[in-house]
Structure formats: structure tokens, C-alpha cells
């Protein structure tokens, strides 16, 4: 189960998804996505583990996370909560 509470869905959650998780060149990598939660292409996933003097590359990783459903739920901000608290029934 995953839960994220963000002030700006586009600037925070979607940014992390696109820029970090599914970016194949993030952090100096080449053609690799996050092996745990990134989108796995049909030809299989590979991931490099940095090491000295040479990196170790894992190939054909299994899919670790599968999507079963989801939803976007909105929580009112402090201004809206204050406004609601002053309303009379």
C-alpha cells in the first residue's frame, strides 16, 4: 500500500514519478529505471549497482510491485477547515 499527502500533486508526486522513478538516466544511470517501483519494459529490466573498480549489472529483474487499483483523494487545506469550523448547522 502506498499513500502520499501532497500540497501540489503535479509538482510533488508526479515530479517524483517522472523525474526520479521512471527516468532512465536519473542520477548518472543509463537506460535504467527504479527496479522496485519503476515501469518495467516488456524486454525486461536491468539495474546497475555502483562499485569500484566496476559496477555490477543485474538483468531480467522480476516485477516487484503491481498496480491493483488507485484513487486520488483530496483533503481540505487549513483555510477550508477554518471556514468549515465557523459554519453553523
PDB file of N, CA and C in Angstrom:
ATOM      1  N   UNK A   1       0.836  -1.148   0.000  1.00  0.00           N
ATOM      2  CA  UNK A   1       0.000   0.000   0.000  1.00  0.00           C
ATOM      3  C   UNK A   1       0.896   1.230   0.000  1.00  0.00           C
ATOM      4  N   UNK A   2       0.491   2.239  -0.756  1.00  0.00           N
ATOM      5  CA  UNK A   2       1.232   3.492  -0.842  1.00  0.00           C
ATOM      6  C   UNK A   2       0.280   4.649  -0.607  1.00  0.00           C
ATOM      7  N   UNK A   3       0.720   5.622   0.157  1.00  0.00           N
ATOM      8  CA  UNK A   3      -0.080   6.806   0.430  1.00  0.00           C
ATOM      9  C   UNK A   3       0.832   8.013   0.375  1.00  0.00           C
ATOM     10  N   UNK A   4       0.421   9.051  -0.333  1.00  0.00           N
ATOM     11  CA  UNK A   4       1.182  10.297  -0.402  1.00  0.00           C
ATOM     12  C   UNK A   4       0.250  11.454  -0.110  1.00  0.00           C
ATOM     13  N   UNK A   5       0.651  12.338   0.778  1.00  0.00           N
ATOM     14  CA  UNK A   5      -0.092  13.558   1.054  1.00  0.00           C
ATOM     15  C   UNK A   5       0.740  14.712   0.530  1.00  0.00           C
ATOM     16  N   UNK A   6       0.241  15.390  -0.488  1.00  0.00           N
ATOM     17  CA  UNK A   6       0.983  16.459  -1.135  1.00  0.00           C
ATOM     18  C   UNK A   6       0.153  17.727  -1.200  1.00  0.00           C
ATOM     19  N   UNK A   7       0.828  18.862  -1.144  1.00  0.00           N
ATOM     20  CA  UNK A   7       0.146  20.141  -1.331  1.00  0.00           C
ATOM     21  C   UNK A   7      -0.135  20.362  -2.815  1.00  0.00           C
ATOM     22  N   UNK A   8       0.772  19.928  -3.669  1.00  0.00           N
ATOM     23  CA  UNK A   8       0.586  20.048  -5.113  1.00  0.00           C
ATOM     24  C   UNK A   8       0.876  18.694  -5.738  1.00  0.00           C
ATOM     25  N   UNK A   9      -0.159  18.024  -6.192  1.00  0.00           N
ATOM     26  CA  UNK A   9       0.011  16.690  -6.769  1.00  0.00           C
ATOM     27  C   UNK A   9       0.955  16.723  -7.967  1.00  0.00           C
ATOM     28  N   UNK A  10       0.762  17.699  -8.847  1.00  0.00           N
ATOM     29  CA  UNK A  10       1.580  17.790 -10.058  1.00  0.00           C
ATOM     30  C   UNK A  10       3.044  18.080  -9.731  1.00  0.00           C
ATOM     31  N   UNK A  11       3.282  19.013  -8.813  1.00  0.00           N
ATOM     32  CA  UNK A  11       4.655  19.421  -8.537  1.00  0.00           C
ATOM     33  C   UNK A  11       5.382  18.460  -7.614  1.00  0.00           C
ATOM     34  N   UNK A  12       4.676  17.612  -6.901  1.00  0.00           N
ATOM     35  CA  UNK A  12       5.346  16.734  -5.957  1.00  0.00           C
ATOM     36  C   UNK A  12       5.274  15.270  -6.384  1.00  0.00           C
ATOM     37  N   UNK A  13       4.113  14.636  -6.334  1.00  0.00           N
ATOM     38  CA  UNK A  13       4.014  13.206  -6.646  1.00  0.00           C
ATOM     39  C   UNK A  13       4.380  12.908  -8.094  1.00  0.00           C
ATOM     40  N   UNK A  14       3.785  13.635  -9.037  1.00  0.00           N
ATOM     41  CA  UNK A  14       4.080  13.377 -10.451  1.00  0.00           C
ATOM     42  C   UNK A  14       5.531  13.713 -10.773  1.00  0.00           C
ATOM     43  N   UNK A  15       6.090  14.716 -10.112  1.00  0.00           N
ATOM     44  CA  UNK A  15       7.500  15.050 -10.312  1.00  0.00           C
ATOM     45  C   UNK A  15       8.395  13.874  -9.918  1.00  0.00           C
ATOM     46  N   UNK A  16       8.126  13.291  -8.764  1.00  0.00           N
ATOM     47  CA  UNK A  16       8.927  12.149  -8.300  1.00  0.00           C
ATOM     48  C   UNK A  16       8.779  10.973  -9.264  1.00  0.00           C
ATOM     49  N   UNK A  17       7.545  10.692  -9.703  1.00  0.00           N
ATOM     50  CA  UNK A  17       7.309   9.592 -10.638  1.00  0.00           C
ATOM     51  C   UNK A  17       8.074   9.783 -11.943  1.00  0.00           C
ATOM     52  N   UNK A  18       7.971  10.960 -12.539  1.00  0.00           N
ATOM     53  CA  UNK A  18       8.564  11.190 -13.852  1.00  0.00           C
ATOM     54  C   UNK A  18      10.061  11.448 -13.781  1.00  0.00           C
ATOM     55  N   UNK A  19      10.498  12.237 -12.801  1.00  0.00           N
ATOM     56  CA  UNK A  19      11.885  12.672 -12.767  1.00  0.00           C
ATOM     57  C   UNK A  19      12.812  11.662 -12.099  1.00  0.00           C
ATOM     58  N   UNK A  20      12.325  10.957 -11.098  1.00  0.00           N
ATOM     59  CA  UNK A  20      13.176  10.011 -10.400  1.00  0.00           C
ATOM     60  C   UNK A  20      12.880   8.562 -10.772  1.00  0.00           C
ATOM     61  N   UNK A  21      11.651   8.130 -10.563  1.00  0.00           N
ATOM     62  CA  UNK A  21      11.324   6.715 -10.673  1.00  0.00           C
ATOM     63  C   UNK A  21      11.403   6.200 -12.115  1.00  0.00           C
ATOM     64  N   UNK A  22      10.793   6.887 -13.049  1.00  0.00           N
ATOM     65  CA  UNK A  22      10.736   6.399 -14.432  1.00  0.00           C
ATOM     66  C   UNK A  22      11.722   7.079 -15.369  1.00  0.00           C
ATOM     67  N   UNK A  23      12.658   7.840 -14.845  1.00  0.00           N
ATOM     68  CA  UNK A  23      13.671   8.488 -15.673  1.00  0.00           C
ATOM     69  C   UNK A  23      14.851   7.534 -15.837  1.00  0.00           C
ATOM     70  N   UNK A  24      15.083   7.016 -17.051  1.00  0.00           N
ATOM     71  CA  UNK A  24      16.144   6.028 -17.230  1.00  0.00           C
ATOM     72  C   UNK A  24      17.554   6.594 -17.089  1.00  0.00           C
ATOM     73  N   UNK A  25      17.705   7.898 -17.018  1.00  0.00           N
ATOM     74  CA  UNK A  25      19.036   8.490 -16.903  1.00  0.00           C
ATOM     75  C   UNK A  25      19.210   9.274 -15.599  1.00  0.00           C
ATOM     76  N   UNK A  26      18.360   9.021 -14.608  1.00  0.00           N
ATOM     77  CA  UNK A  26      18.430   9.747 -13.341  1.00  0.00           C
ATOM     78  C   UNK A  26      19.668   9.342 -12.547  1.00  0.00           C
ATOM     79  N   UNK A  27      20.327  10.305 -11.957  1.00  0.00           N
ATOM     80  CA  UNK A  27      21.462  10.042 -11.072  1.00  0.00           C
ATOM     81  C   UNK A  27      22.653   9.418 -11.764  1.00  0.00           C
ATOM     82  N   UNK A  28      22.856   9.731 -13.039  1.00  0.00           N
ATOM     83  CA  UNK A  28      24.010   9.188 -13.758  1.00  0.00           C
ATOM     84  C   UNK A  28      23.813   7.789 -14.313  1.00  0.00           C
ATOM     85  N   UNK A  29      22.614   7.251 -14.218  1.00  0.00           N
ATOM     86  CA  UNK A  29      22.351   5.929 -14.774  1.00  0.00           C
ATOM     87  C   UNK A  29      22.158   6.027 -16.283  1.00  0.00           C
ATOM     88  N   UNK A  30      22.207   4.908 -16.949  1.00  0.00           N
ATOM     89  CA  UNK A  30      21.975   4.870 -18.381  1.00  0.00           C
ATOM     90  C   UNK A  30      20.967   3.776 -18.685  1.00  0.00           C
ATOM     91  N   UNK A  31      19.808   4.158 -19.189  1.00  0.00           N
ATOM     92  CA  UNK A  31      18.779   3.218 -19.611  1.00  0.00           C
ATOM     93  C   UNK A  31      18.315   2.291 -18.479  1.00  0.00           C
ATOM     94  N   UNK A  32      18.128   2.863 -17.290  1.00  0.00           N
ATOM     95  CA  UNK A  32      17.675   2.077 -16.151  1.00  0.00           C
ATOM     96  C   UNK A  32      16.607   2.847 -15.396  1.00  0.00           C
ATOM     97  N   UNK A  33      15.582   2.167 -14.957  1.00  0.00           N
ATOM     98  CA  UNK A  33      14.538   2.763 -14.117  1.00  0.00           C
ATOM     99  C   UNK A  33      14.632   2.178 -12.719  1.00  0.00           C
ATOM    100  N   UNK A  34      13.895   2.760 -11.806  1.00  0.00           N
ATOM    101  CA  UNK A  34      13.883   2.252 -10.449  1.00  0.00           C
ATOM    102  C   UNK A  34      13.435   0.789 -10.464  1.00  0.00           C
ATOM    103  N   UNK A  35      14.224  -0.138  -9.918  1.00  0.00           N
ATOM    104  CA  UNK A  35      13.890  -1.556 -10.022  1.00  0.00           C
ATOM    105  C   UNK A  35      12.709  -1.999  -9.156  1.00  0.00           C
ATOM    106  N   UNK A  36      12.347  -1.225  -8.156  1.00  0.00           N
ATOM    107  CA  UNK A  36      11.249  -1.631  -7.288  1.00  0.00           C
ATOM    108  C   UNK A  36       9.900  -1.121  -7.756  1.00  0.00           C
ATOM    109  N   UNK A  37       9.805   0.174  -8.101  1.00  0.00           N
ATOM    110  CA  UNK A  37       8.503   0.748  -8.420  1.00  0.00           C
ATOM    111  C   UNK A  37       8.438   1.380  -9.800  1.00  0.00           C
ATOM    112  N   UNK A  38       9.509   1.324 -10.574  1.00  0.00           N
ATOM    113  CA  UNK A  38       9.505   1.901 -11.908  1.00  0.00           C
ATOM    114  C   UNK A  38       8.765   1.032 -12.917  1.00  0.00           C
ATOM    115  N   UNK A  39       8.422   1.632 -14.041  1.00  0.00           N
ATOM    116  CA  UNK A  39       7.763   0.899 -15.126  1.00  0.00           C
ATOM    117  C   UNK A  39       8.755  -0.076 -15.749  1.00  0.00           C
ATOM    118  N   UNK A  40       8.394  -1.342 -15.821  1.00  0.00           N
ATOM    119  CA  UNK A  40       9.273  -2.370 -16.376  1.00  0.00           C
ATOM    120  C   UNK A  40       8.913  -2.594 -17.839  1.00  0.00           C
ATOM    121  N   UNK A  41       9.860  -2.351 -18.768  1.00  0.00           N
ATOM    122  CA  UNK A  41       9.562  -2.596 -20.175  1.00  0.00           C
ATOM    123  C   UNK A  41       9.388  -4.081 -20.467  1.00  0.00           C
ATOM    124  N   UNK A  42       8.724  -4.398 -21.573  1.00  0.00           N
ATOM    125  CA  UNK A  42       8.450  -5.804 -21.913  1.00  0.00           C
ATOM    126  C   UNK A  42       9.717  -6.618 -22.121  1.00  0.00           C
ATOM    127  N   UNK A  43      10.791  -5.973 -22.569  1.00  0.00           N
ATOM    128  CA  UNK A  43      12.033  -6.720 -22.807  1.00  0.00           C
ATOM    129  C   UNK A  43      12.804  -7.033 -21.533  1.00  0.00           C
ATOM    130  N   UNK A  44      12.290  -6.625 -20.386  1.00  0.00           N
ATOM    131  CA  UNK A  44      12.927  -6.951 -19.113  1.00  0.00           C
ATOM    132  C   UNK A  44      13.614  -5.744 -18.505  1.00  0.00           C
ATOM    133  N   UNK A  45      13.908  -5.860 -17.250  1.00  0.00           N
ATOM    134  CA  UNK A  45      14.511  -4.769 -16.501  1.00  0.00           C
ATOM    135  C   UNK A  45      15.930  -5.134 -16.112  1.00  0.00           C
ATOM    136  N   UNK A  46      16.812  -4.140 -16.139  1.00  0.00           N
ATOM    137  CA  UNK A  46      18.156  -4.332 -15.613  1.00  0.00           C
ATOM    138  C   UNK A  46      18.511  -3.151 -14.727  1.00  0.00           C
ATOM    139  N   UNK A  47      19.458  -3.378 -13.845  1.00  0.00           N
ATOM    140  CA  UNK A  47      19.833  -2.342 -12.889  1.00  0.00           C
ATOM    141  C   UNK A  47      21.291  -2.503 -12.521  1.00  0.00           C
ATOM    142  N   UNK A  48      21.995  -1.365 -12.422  1.00  0.00           N
ATOM    143  CA  UNK A  48      23.414  -1.374 -12.079  1.00  0.00           C
ATOM    144  C   UNK A  48      23.614  -0.984 -10.629  1.00  0.00           C
ATOM    145  N   UNK A  49      24.529  -1.696  -9.976  1.00  0.00           N
ATOM    146  CA  UNK A  49      24.924  -1.357  -8.612  1.00  0.00           C
ATOM    147  C   UNK A  49      26.334  -0.788  -8.697  1.00  0.00           C
ATOM    148  N   UNK A  50      26.503   0.499  -8.347  1.00  0.00           N
ATOM    149  CA  UNK A  50      27.831   1.103  -8.449  1.00  0.00           C
ATOM    150  C   UNK A  50      28.826   0.389  -7.537  1.00  0.00           C
ATOM    151  N   UNK A  51      30.012   0.177  -8.050  1.00  0.00           N
ATOM    152  CA  UNK A  51      31.077  -0.451  -7.264  1.00  0.00           C
ATOM    153  C   UNK A  51      32.423  -0.030  -7.853  1.00  0.00           C
ATOM    154  N   UNK A  52      33.455  -0.220  -7.096  1.00  0.00           N
ATOM    155  CA  UNK A  52      34.803   0.123  -7.547  1.00  0.00           C
ATOM    156  C   UNK A  52      35.626  -1.146  -7.560  1.00  0.00           C
ATOM    157  N   UNK A  53      36.224  -1.533  -8.636  1.00  0.00           N
ATOM    158  CA  UNK A  53      36.520  -0.775  -9.847  1.00  0.00           C
ATOM    159  C   UNK A  53      35.445  -0.891 -10.938  1.00  0.00           C
ATOM    160  N   UNK A  54      34.512  -1.822 -10.818  1.00  0.00           N
ATOM    161  CA  UNK A  54      33.494  -1.979 -11.877  1.00  0.00           C
ATOM    162  C   UNK A  54      32.121  -2.172 -11.235  1.00  0.00           C
ATOM    163  N   UNK A  55      31.110  -1.716 -11.939  1.00  0.00           N
ATOM    164  CA  UNK A  55      29.750  -1.869 -11.430  1.00  0.00           C
ATOM    165  C   UNK A  55      29.263  -3.303 -11.629  1.00  0.00           C
ATOM    166  N   UNK A  56      28.244  -3.656 -10.914  1.00  0.00           N
ATOM    167  CA  UNK A  56      27.600  -4.962 -11.086  1.00  0.00           C
ATOM    168  C   UNK A  56      26.244  -4.709 -11.723  1.00  0.00           C
ATOM    169  N   UNK A  57      25.953  -5.372 -12.812  1.00  0.00           N
ATOM    170  CA  UNK A  57      24.699  -5.163 -13.529  1.00  0.00           C
ATOM    171  C   UNK A  57      23.815  -6.389 -13.391  1.00  0.00           C
ATOM    172  N   UNK A  58      22.599  -6.179 -12.860  1.00  0.00           N
ATOM    173  CA  UNK A  58      21.631  -7.255 -12.715  1.00  0.00           C
ATOM    174  C   UNK A  58      20.672  -7.179 -13.890  1.00  0.00           C
ATOM    175  N   UNK A  59      20.367  -8.321 -14.484  1.00  0.00           N
ATOM    176  CA  UNK A  59      19.488  -8.350 -15.653  1.00  0.00           C
ATOM    177  C   UNK A  59      18.248  -9.197 -15.377  1.00  0.00           C
ATOM    178  N   UNK A  60      17.203  -8.929 -16.177  1.00  0.00           N
ATOM    179  CA  UNK A  60      15.943  -9.676 -16.116  1.00  0.00           C
ATOM    180  C   UNK A  60      15.357  -9.718 -14.706  1.00  0.00           C
ATOM    181  N   UNK A  61      15.313  -8.553 -14.074  1.00  0.00           N
ATOM    182  CA  UNK A  61      14.720  -8.477 -12.741  1.00  0.00           C
ATOM    183  C   UNK A  61      13.215  -8.698 -12.821  1.00  0.00           C
ATOM    184  N   UNK A  62      12.691  -9.321 -11.828  1.00  0.00           N
ATOM    185  CA  UNK A  62      11.249  -9.551 -11.766  1.00  0.00           C
ATOM    186  C   UNK A  62      10.542  -8.250 -11.408  1.00  0.00           C
ATOM    187  N   UNK A  63       9.271  -8.184 -11.712  1.00  0.00           N
ATOM    188  CA  UNK A  63       8.462  -7.049 -11.311  1.00  0.00           C
ATOM    189  C   UNK A  63       8.150  -7.194  -9.827  1.00  0.00           C
ATOM    190  N   UNK A  64       8.517  -6.186  -9.036  1.00  0.00           N
ATOM    191  CA  UNK A  64       8.336  -6.257  -7.593  1.00  0.00           C
ATOM    192  C   UNK A  64       6.989  -5.704  -7.149  1.00  0.00           C
ATOM    193  N   UNK A  65       6.480  -4.704  -7.861  1.00  0.00           N
ATOM    194  CA  UNK A  65       5.249  -4.025  -7.471  1.00  0.00           C
ATOM    195  C   UNK A  65       4.262  -4.103  -8.625  1.00  0.00           C
ATOM    196  N   UNK A  66       3.025  -4.438  -8.324  1.00  0.00           N
ATOM    197  CA  UNK A  66       1.996  -4.425  -9.364  1.00  0.00           C
ATOM    198  C   UNK A  66       0.844  -3.541  -8.897  1.00  0.00           C
ATOM    199  N   UNK A  67       0.281  -2.843  -9.845  1.00  0.00           N
ATOM    200  CA  UNK A  67      -0.818  -1.932  -9.553  1.00  0.00           C
ATOM    201  C   UNK A  67      -2.126  -2.704  -9.562  1.00  0.00           C
ATOM    202  N   UNK A  68      -2.886  -2.583  -8.488  1.00  0.00           N
ATOM    203  CA  UNK A  68      -4.166  -3.269  -8.397  1.00  0.00           C
ATOM    204  C   UNK A  68      -5.334  -2.291  -8.388  1.00  0.00           C
ATOM    205  N   UNK A  69      -5.051  -1.047  -8.208  1.00  0.00           N
ATOM    206  CA  UNK A  69      -6.092  -0.034  -8.153  1.00  0.00           C
ATOM    207  C   UNK A  69      -5.516   1.246  -7.599  1.00  0.00           C
ATOM    208  N   UNK A  70      -6.296   2.263  -7.600  1.00  0.00           N
ATOM    209  CA  UNK A  70      -5.797   3.530  -7.078  1.00  0.00           C
ATOM    210  C   UNK A  70      -6.893   4.566  -7.053  1.00  0.00           C
ATOM    211  N   UNK A  71      -6.562   5.658  -6.456  1.00  0.00           N
ATOM    212  CA  UNK A  71      -7.520   6.748  -6.400  1.00  0.00           C
ATOM    213  C   UNK A  71      -6.849   8.005  -5.913  1.00  0.00           C
ATOM    214  N   UNK A  72      -7.435   9.116  -6.246  1.00  0.00           N
ATOM    215  CA  UNK A  72      -6.974  10.403  -5.771  1.00  0.00           C
ATOM    216  C   UNK A  72      -8.008  10.919  -4.778  1.00  0.00           C
ATOM    217  N   UNK A  73      -7.571  11.227  -3.588  1.00  0.00           N
ATOM    218  CA  UNK A  73      -8.454  11.723  -2.547  1.00  0.00           C
ATOM    219  C   UNK A  73      -7.930  13.072  -2.091  1.00  0.00           C
ATOM    220  N   UNK A  74      -8.809  14.034  -1.974  1.00  0.00           N
ATOM    221  CA  UNK A  74      -8.400  15.383  -1.649  1.00  0.00           C
ATOM    222  C   UNK A  74      -8.811  15.735  -0.225  1.00  0.00           C
ATOM    223  N   UNK A  75      -7.885  16.326   0.501  1.00  0.00           N
ATOM    224  CA  UNK A  75      -8.086  16.745   1.875  1.00  0.00           C
ATOM    225  C   UNK A  75      -8.130  18.272   1.869  1.00  0.00           C
ATOM    226  N   UNK A  76      -9.113  18.885   2.527  1.00  0.00           N
ATOM    227  CA  UNK A  76      -9.165  20.348   2.527  1.00  0.00           C
ATOM    228  C   UNK A  76      -7.969  20.958   3.255  1.00  0.00           C
ATOM    229  N   UNK A  77      -7.545  22.126   2.794  1.00  0.00           N
ATOM    230  CA  UNK A  77      -6.447  22.842   3.425  1.00  0.00           C
ATOM    231  C   UNK A  77      -6.883  23.505   4.720  1.00  0.00           C
ATOM    232  N   UNK A  78      -5.936  24.141   5.404  1.00  0.00           N
ATOM    233  CA  UNK A  78      -6.231  24.785   6.686  1.00  0.00           C
ATOM    234  C   UNK A  78      -7.268  25.894   6.541  1.00  0.00           C
ATOM    235  N   UNK A  79      -7.198  26.663   5.454  1.00  0.00           N
ATOM    236  CA  UNK A  79      -8.176  27.734   5.245  1.00  0.00           C
ATOM    237  C   UNK A  79      -9.583  27.162   5.128  1.00  0.00           C
ATOM    238  N   UNK A  80      -9.736  26.097   4.377  1.00  0.00           N
ATOM    239  CA  UNK A  80     -11.055  25.475   4.226  1.00  0.00           C
ATOM    240  C   UNK A  80     -11.540  24.876   5.543  1.00  0.00           C
ATOM    241  N   UNK A  81     -10.643  24.252   6.298  1.00  0.00           N
ATOM    242  CA  UNK A  81     -11.040  23.691   7.594  1.00  0.00           C
ATOM    243  C   UNK A  81     -11.486  24.782   8.561  1.00  0.00           C
ATOM    244  N   UNK A  82     -10.784  25.911   8.553  1.00  0.00           N
ATOM    245  CA  UNK A  82     -11.178  27.020   9.419  1.00  0.00           C
ATOM    246  C   UNK A  82     -12.547  27.555   9.009  1.00  0.00           C
ATOM    247  N   UNK A  83     -12.754  27.688   7.717  1.00  0.00           N
ATOM    248  CA  UNK A  83     -14.042  28.164   7.209  1.00  0.00           C
ATOM    249  C   UNK A  83     -15.167  27.208   7.619  1.00  0.00           C
ATOM    250  N   UNK A  84     -14.929  25.912   7.490  1.00  0.00           N
ATOM    251  CA  UNK A  84     -15.931  24.922   7.883  1.00  0.00           C
ATOM    252  C   UNK A  84     -16.220  24.957   9.384  1.00  0.00           C
ATOM    253  N   UNK A  85     -15.212  25.241  10.183  1.00  0.00           N
ATOM    254  CA  UNK A  85     -15.408  25.243  11.633  1.00  0.00           C
ATOM    255  C   UNK A  85     -16.266  26.409  12.098  1.00  0.00           C
ATOM    256  N   UNK A  86     -16.365  27.479  11.311  1.00  0.00           N
ATOM    257  CA  UNK A  86     -17.165  28.647  11.696  1.00  0.00           C
ATOM    258  C   UNK A  86     -18.570  28.613  11.144  1.00  0.00           C
ATOM    259  N   UNK A  87     -18.894  27.609  10.390  1.00  0.00           N
ATOM    260  CA  UNK A  87     -20.254  27.491   9.840  1.00  0.00           C
ATOM    261  C   UNK A  87     -21.187  26.951  10.903  1.00  0.00           C
ATOM    262  N   UNK A  88     -22.395  27.441  10.910  1.00  0.00           N
ATOM    263  CA  UNK A  88     -23.391  26.914  11.852  1.00  0.00           C
ATOM    264  C   UNK A  88     -24.311  25.960  11.109  1.00  0.00           C
ATOM    265  N   UNK A  89     -24.686  24.859  11.738  1.00  0.00           N
ATOM    266  CA  UNK A  89     -25.531  23.877  11.053  1.00  0.00           C
ATOM    267  C   UNK A  89     -26.944  24.350  10.815  1.00  0.00           C
TER     268      UNK A  89
END
